C-alpha atoms as a PDB file:
ATOM      1  CA  GLU A   1     -67.612 -60.923 -15.201  1.00  0.00           C
ATOM      2  CA  THR A   2     -69.656 -61.444 -12.027  1.00  0.00           C
ATOM      3  CA  TRP A   3     -66.464 -61.405  -9.985  1.00  0.00           C
ATOM      4  CA  LEU A   4     -65.373 -58.097 -11.584  1.00  0.00           C
ATOM      5  CA  LYS A   5     -68.835 -56.597 -11.125  1.00  0.00           C
ATOM      6  CA  ASN A   6     -68.774 -57.509  -7.416  1.00  0.00           C
ATOM      7  CA  ARG A   7     -65.267 -56.064  -6.915  1.00  0.00           C
ATOM      8  CA  LEU A   8     -66.294 -52.859  -8.694  1.00  0.00           C
ATOM      9  CA  GLN A   9     -69.333 -52.517  -6.461  1.00  0.00           C
ATOM     10  CA  GLU A  10     -67.128 -52.998  -3.391  1.00  0.00           C
ATOM     11  CA  ALA A  11     -64.783 -50.319  -4.720  1.00  0.00           C
ATOM     12  CA  LEU A  12     -67.619 -47.866  -5.329  1.00  0.00           C
ATOM     13  CA  ASN A  13     -68.935 -48.494  -1.826  1.00  0.00           C
ATOM     14  CA  GLN A  14     -65.684 -47.214  -0.331  1.00  0.00           C
ATOM     15  CA  PRO A  15     -66.034 -43.886   1.488  1.00  0.00           C
ATOM     16  CA  PHE A  16     -64.831 -40.662  -0.066  1.00  0.00           C
ATOM     17  CA  ILE A  17     -61.459 -39.586   1.279  1.00  0.00           C
ATOM     18  CA  SER A  18     -59.289 -36.510   0.872  1.00  0.00           C
ATOM     19  CA  PHE A  19     -56.009 -36.233  -0.999  1.00  0.00           C
ATOM     20  CA  ASP A  20     -54.096 -36.357   2.289  1.00  0.00           C
ATOM     21  CA  GLU A  21     -55.913 -39.552   3.238  1.00  0.00           C
ATOM     22  CA  VAL A  22     -55.382 -41.240  -0.116  1.00  0.00           C
ATOM     23  CA  ILE A  23     -51.643 -40.515  -0.136  1.00  0.00           C
ATOM     24  CA  SER A  24     -51.378 -42.307   3.176  1.00  0.00           C
ATOM     25  CA  LYS A  25     -52.283 -45.610   1.505  1.00  0.00           C
ATOM     26  CA  TYR A  26     -49.438 -48.105   1.407  1.00  0.00           C
ATOM     27  CA  GLU A  27     -51.356 -50.826  -0.402  1.00  0.00           C
ATOM     28  CA  MET A  28     -51.703 -51.445  -4.097  1.00  0.00           C
ATOM     29  CA  GLY A  29     -55.135 -50.812  -5.480  1.00  0.00           C
ATOM     30  CA  VAL A  30     -57.512 -48.980  -7.763  1.00  0.00           C
ATOM     31  CA  TYR A  31     -58.276 -45.324  -7.114  1.00  0.00           C
ATOM     32  CA  PHE A  32     -61.149 -43.147  -8.232  1.00  0.00           C
ATOM     33  CA  ILE A  33     -60.968 -39.352  -8.521  1.00  0.00           C
ATOM     34  CA  TYR A  34     -64.165 -37.320  -8.171  1.00  0.00           C
ATOM     35  CA  ASP A  35     -65.159 -33.708  -8.465  1.00  0.00           C
ATOM     36  CA  GLY A  36     -68.189 -33.685  -6.199  1.00  0.00           C
ATOM     37  CA  HIS A  37     -70.065 -36.768  -7.343  1.00  0.00           C
ATOM     38  CA  GLU A  38     -68.730 -36.652 -10.921  1.00  0.00           C
ATOM     39  CA  LEU A  39     -66.196 -39.397 -11.603  1.00  0.00           C
ATOM     40  CA  LEU A  40     -63.223 -37.892 -13.412  1.00  0.00           C
ATOM     41  CA  TYR A  41     -60.584 -40.617 -13.491  1.00  0.00           C
ATOM     42  CA  ILE A  42     -59.810 -44.197 -12.529  1.00  0.00           C
ATOM     43  CA  GLY A  43     -56.246 -45.373 -12.040  1.00  0.00           C
ATOM     44  CA  MET A  44     -54.370 -48.198 -10.440  1.00  0.00           C
ATOM     45  CA  THR A  45     -51.144 -48.698  -8.615  1.00  0.00           C
ATOM     46  CA  THR A  46     -49.150 -51.872  -8.205  1.00  0.00           C
ATOM     47  CA  ARG A  47     -46.722 -49.977  -5.989  1.00  0.00           C
ATOM     48  CA  PRO A  48     -47.584 -48.528  -2.621  1.00  0.00           C
ATOM     49  CA  GLY A  49     -50.506 -46.199  -3.288  1.00  0.00           C
ATOM     50  CA  HIS A  50     -48.871 -43.232  -1.632  1.00  0.00           C
ATOM     51  CA  ASN A  51     -46.081 -43.238  -4.229  1.00  0.00           C
ATOM     52  CA  ARG A  52     -48.326 -43.339  -7.294  1.00  0.00           C
ATOM     53  CA  ILE A  53     -50.950 -40.960  -6.025  1.00  0.00           C
ATOM     54  CA  LYS A  54     -48.374 -38.330  -5.024  1.00  0.00           C
ATOM     55  CA  GLU A  55     -47.366 -38.318  -8.702  1.00  0.00           C
ATOM     56  CA  ILE A  56     -50.764 -36.810  -9.531  1.00  0.00           C
ATOM     57  CA  ILE A  57     -49.488 -33.493  -8.177  1.00  0.00           C
ATOM     58  CA  GLY A  58     -45.932 -34.115  -9.364  1.00  0.00           C
ATOM     59  CA  GLY A  59     -46.527 -32.192 -12.557  1.00  0.00           C
ATOM     60  CA  PHE A  60     -47.804 -32.819 -16.040  1.00  0.00           C
ATOM     61  CA  ARG A  61     -44.919 -35.138 -16.891  1.00  0.00           C
ATOM     62  CA  LYS A  62     -45.668 -37.540 -14.033  1.00  0.00           C
ATOM     63  CA  HIS A  63     -49.363 -38.415 -14.360  1.00  0.00           C
ATOM     64  CA  THR A  64     -51.980 -38.526 -17.117  1.00  0.00           C
ATOM     65  CA  PHE A  65     -54.642 -37.022 -14.867  1.00  0.00           C
ATOM     66  CA  ASN A  66     -52.431 -33.999 -14.222  1.00  0.00           C
ATOM     67  CA  ARG A  67     -51.842 -33.497 -17.972  1.00  0.00           C
ATOM     68  CA  LYS A  68     -55.537 -33.737 -18.754  1.00  0.00           C
ATOM     69  CA  SER A  69     -56.443 -31.408 -15.882  1.00  0.00           C
ATOM     70  CA  MET A  70     -53.934 -28.843 -17.101  1.00  0.00           C
ATOM     71  CA  ALA A  71     -55.281 -29.113 -20.645  1.00  0.00           C
ATOM     72  CA  GLN A  72     -58.765 -28.424 -19.243  1.00  0.00           C
ATOM     73  CA  TYR A  73     -57.479 -25.315 -17.436  1.00  0.00           C
ATOM     74  CA  PHE A  74     -55.802 -24.091 -20.624  1.00  0.00           C
ATOM     75  CA  ARG A  75     -59.015 -24.650 -22.611  1.00  0.00           C
ATOM     76  CA  GLY A  76     -60.791 -22.559 -19.975  1.00  0.00           C
ATOM     77  CA  ARG A  77     -58.323 -19.786 -20.751  1.00  0.00           C
ATOM     78  CA  GLY A  78     -59.131 -19.957 -24.465  1.00  0.00           C
ATOM     79  CA  TYR A  79     -56.292 -22.188 -25.656  1.00  0.00           C
ATOM     80  CA  ALA A  80     -57.140 -24.977 -28.088  1.00  0.00           C
ATOM     81  CA  MET A  81     -55.661 -28.080 -26.515  1.00  0.00           C
ATOM     82  CA  HIS A  82     -56.837 -31.663 -26.258  1.00  0.00           C
ATOM     83  CA  ILE A  83     -54.109 -33.002 -23.986  1.00  0.00           C
ATOM     84  CA  LEU A  84     -50.783 -31.663 -22.837  1.00  0.00           C
ATOM     85  CA  SER A  85     -48.091 -34.024 -24.079  1.00  0.00           C
ATOM     86  CA  THR A  86     -45.088 -34.915 -21.986  1.00  0.00           C
ATOM     87  CA  ALA A  87     -42.797 -34.237 -24.893  1.00  0.00           C
ATOM     88  CA  ASN A  88     -43.061 -30.857 -26.538  1.00  0.00           C
ATOM     89  CA  HIS A  89     -46.188 -28.815 -25.875  1.00  0.00           C
ATOM     90  CA  LYS A  90     -44.817 -26.800 -22.986  1.00  0.00           C
ATOM     91  CA  ARG A  91     -41.533 -25.971 -24.701  1.00  0.00           C
ATOM     92  CA  ASP A  92     -43.200 -25.320 -28.070  1.00  0.00           C
ATOM     93  CA  TRP A  93     -45.797 -23.030 -26.524  1.00  0.00           C
ATOM     94  CA  ILE A  94     -43.195 -21.063 -24.575  1.00  0.00           C
ATOM     95  CA  ASP A  95     -40.736 -20.864 -27.504  1.00  0.00           C
ATOM     96  CA  ASN A  96     -43.496 -19.650 -29.844  1.00  0.00           C
ATOM     97  CA  GLY A  97     -44.733 -17.023 -27.391  1.00  0.00           C
ATOM     98  CA  ILE A  98     -48.145 -18.643 -26.943  1.00  0.00           C
ATOM     99  CA  ILE A  99     -47.721 -18.838 -23.190  1.00  0.00           C
ATOM    100  CA  SER A 100     -45.216 -17.488 -20.709  1.00  0.00           C
ATOM    101  CA  PRO A 101     -43.245 -19.732 -18.358  1.00  0.00           C
ATOM    102  CA  ASN A 102     -44.960 -17.964 -15.458  1.00  0.00           C
ATOM    103  CA  GLU A 103     -48.454 -18.620 -16.821  1.00  0.00           C
ATOM    104  CA  PHE A 104     -47.574 -22.292 -17.261  1.00  0.00           C
ATOM    105  CA  LYS A 105     -46.345 -22.487 -13.655  1.00  0.00           C
ATOM    106  CA  GLU A 106     -49.471 -20.686 -12.470  1.00  0.00           C
ATOM    107  CA  VAL A 107     -51.737 -23.198 -14.199  1.00  0.00           C
ATOM    108  CA  GLN A 108     -49.711 -26.090 -12.732  1.00  0.00           C
ATOM    109  CA  ARG A 109     -50.126 -24.591  -9.247  1.00  0.00           C
ATOM    110  CA  GLU A 110     -53.887 -24.145  -9.762  1.00  0.00           C
ATOM    111  CA  VAL A 111     -54.271 -27.734 -10.939  1.00  0.00           C
ATOM    112  CA  ASN A 112     -52.246 -29.134  -8.052  1.00  0.00           C
ATOM    113  CA  ASN A 113     -54.158 -27.034  -5.500  1.00  0.00           C
ATOM    114  CA  SER A 114     -57.467 -28.164  -6.971  1.00  0.00           C
ATOM    115  CA  ILE A 115     -56.403 -31.805  -6.780  1.00  0.00           C
ATOM    116  CA  LYS A 116     -55.288 -31.435  -3.171  1.00  0.00           C
ATOM    117  CA  GLN A 117     -58.115 -29.250  -1.890  1.00  0.00           C
ATOM    118  CA  THR A 118     -61.203 -29.813  -4.035  1.00  0.00           C
ATOM    119  CA  LEU A 119     -61.208 -33.331  -5.424  1.00  0.00           C
ATOM    120  CA  ARG A 120     -62.291 -36.417  -3.539  1.00  0.00           C
ATOM    121  CA  PHE A 121     -60.988 -39.927  -3.833  1.00  0.00           C
ATOM    122  CA  LYS A 122     -61.943 -43.522  -3.287  1.00  0.00           C
ATOM    123  CA  PHE A 123     -59.295 -46.195  -2.862  1.00  0.00           C
ATOM    124  CA  TYR A 124     -59.934 -49.903  -3.162  1.00  0.00           C
ATOM    125  CA  GLU A 125     -57.145 -52.122  -1.953  1.00  0.00           C
ATOM    126  CA  VAL A 126     -56.551 -54.953  -4.380  1.00  0.00           C
ATOM    127  CA  ARG A 127     -54.300 -57.841  -3.426  1.00  0.00           C
ATOM    128  CA  PHE A 128     -54.489 -59.945  -6.528  1.00  0.00           C
ATOM    129  CA  PHE A 129     -52.387 -60.348  -9.604  1.00  0.00           C
ATOM    130  CA  ASN A 130     -53.731 -58.714 -12.776  1.00  0.00           C
ATOM    131  CA  ILE A 131     -55.106 -55.682 -10.973  1.00  0.00           C
ATOM    132  CA  GLU A 132     -55.439 -54.058 -14.385  1.00  0.00           C
ATOM    133  CA  PHE A 133     -58.477 -56.262 -15.148  1.00  0.00           C
ATOM    134  CA  LEU A 134     -60.437 -54.463 -12.456  1.00  0.00           C
ATOM    135  CA  GLU A 135     -59.138 -51.062 -13.555  1.00  0.00           C
ATOM    136  CA  HIS A 136     -60.056 -51.710 -17.222  1.00  0.00           C
ATOM    137  CA  TYR A 137     -63.459 -53.114 -16.285  1.00  0.00           C
ATOM    138  CA  ALA A 138     -64.179 -50.065 -14.103  1.00  0.00           C
ATOM    139  CA  ILE A 139     -63.138 -47.665 -16.868  1.00  0.00           C
ATOM    140  CA  ALA A 140     -65.188 -49.491 -19.508  1.00  0.00           C
ATOM    141  CA  THR A 141     -68.234 -49.660 -17.237  1.00  0.00           C
ATOM    142  CA  LEU A 142     -68.138 -46.165 -15.714  1.00  0.00           C
ATOM    143  CA  GLN A 143     -66.470 -44.206 -18.553  1.00  0.00           C
ATOM    144  CA  PRO A 144     -64.821 -41.463 -16.454  1.00  0.00           C
ATOM    145  CA  LEU A 145     -64.317 -38.106 -18.111  1.00  0.00           C
ATOM    146  CA  TYR A 146     -60.485 -38.169 -18.169  1.00  0.00           C
ATOM    147  CA  ASN A 147     -59.872 -41.814 -19.052  1.00  0.00           C
ATOM    148  CA  ASP A 148     -59.539 -42.616 -22.742  1.00  0.00           C
END
């Protein structure tokens, strides 16, 4: 546990960087997403970081953080939604007239723009096997808003 605690502290000591800076990372690692100083999400990538992190703005089907961010935007518009599923919510909502395809696209654009322009990131390069131990420890310790 001491080893994990020390790695987490090193990760948290990383400087804040922008979306453009974080998608330039070619290493595997653990990433932290902040709104101001509020920690929203912790994720990891065992592929080059730039590939995984670009998926955050790839749409609600590509990344959990995007789905949860969209659900938050919909709740702000008065819709009762916990999380947007990858399977049926969008189609069901459109087919049942709850939301228009254009409103859905508008919310996706707003979420993606917010991620790119407003949120801040930290990236901690991790070069060891079982990177998920650090990710799970960080989530359990810090309890970010959008991690379950």
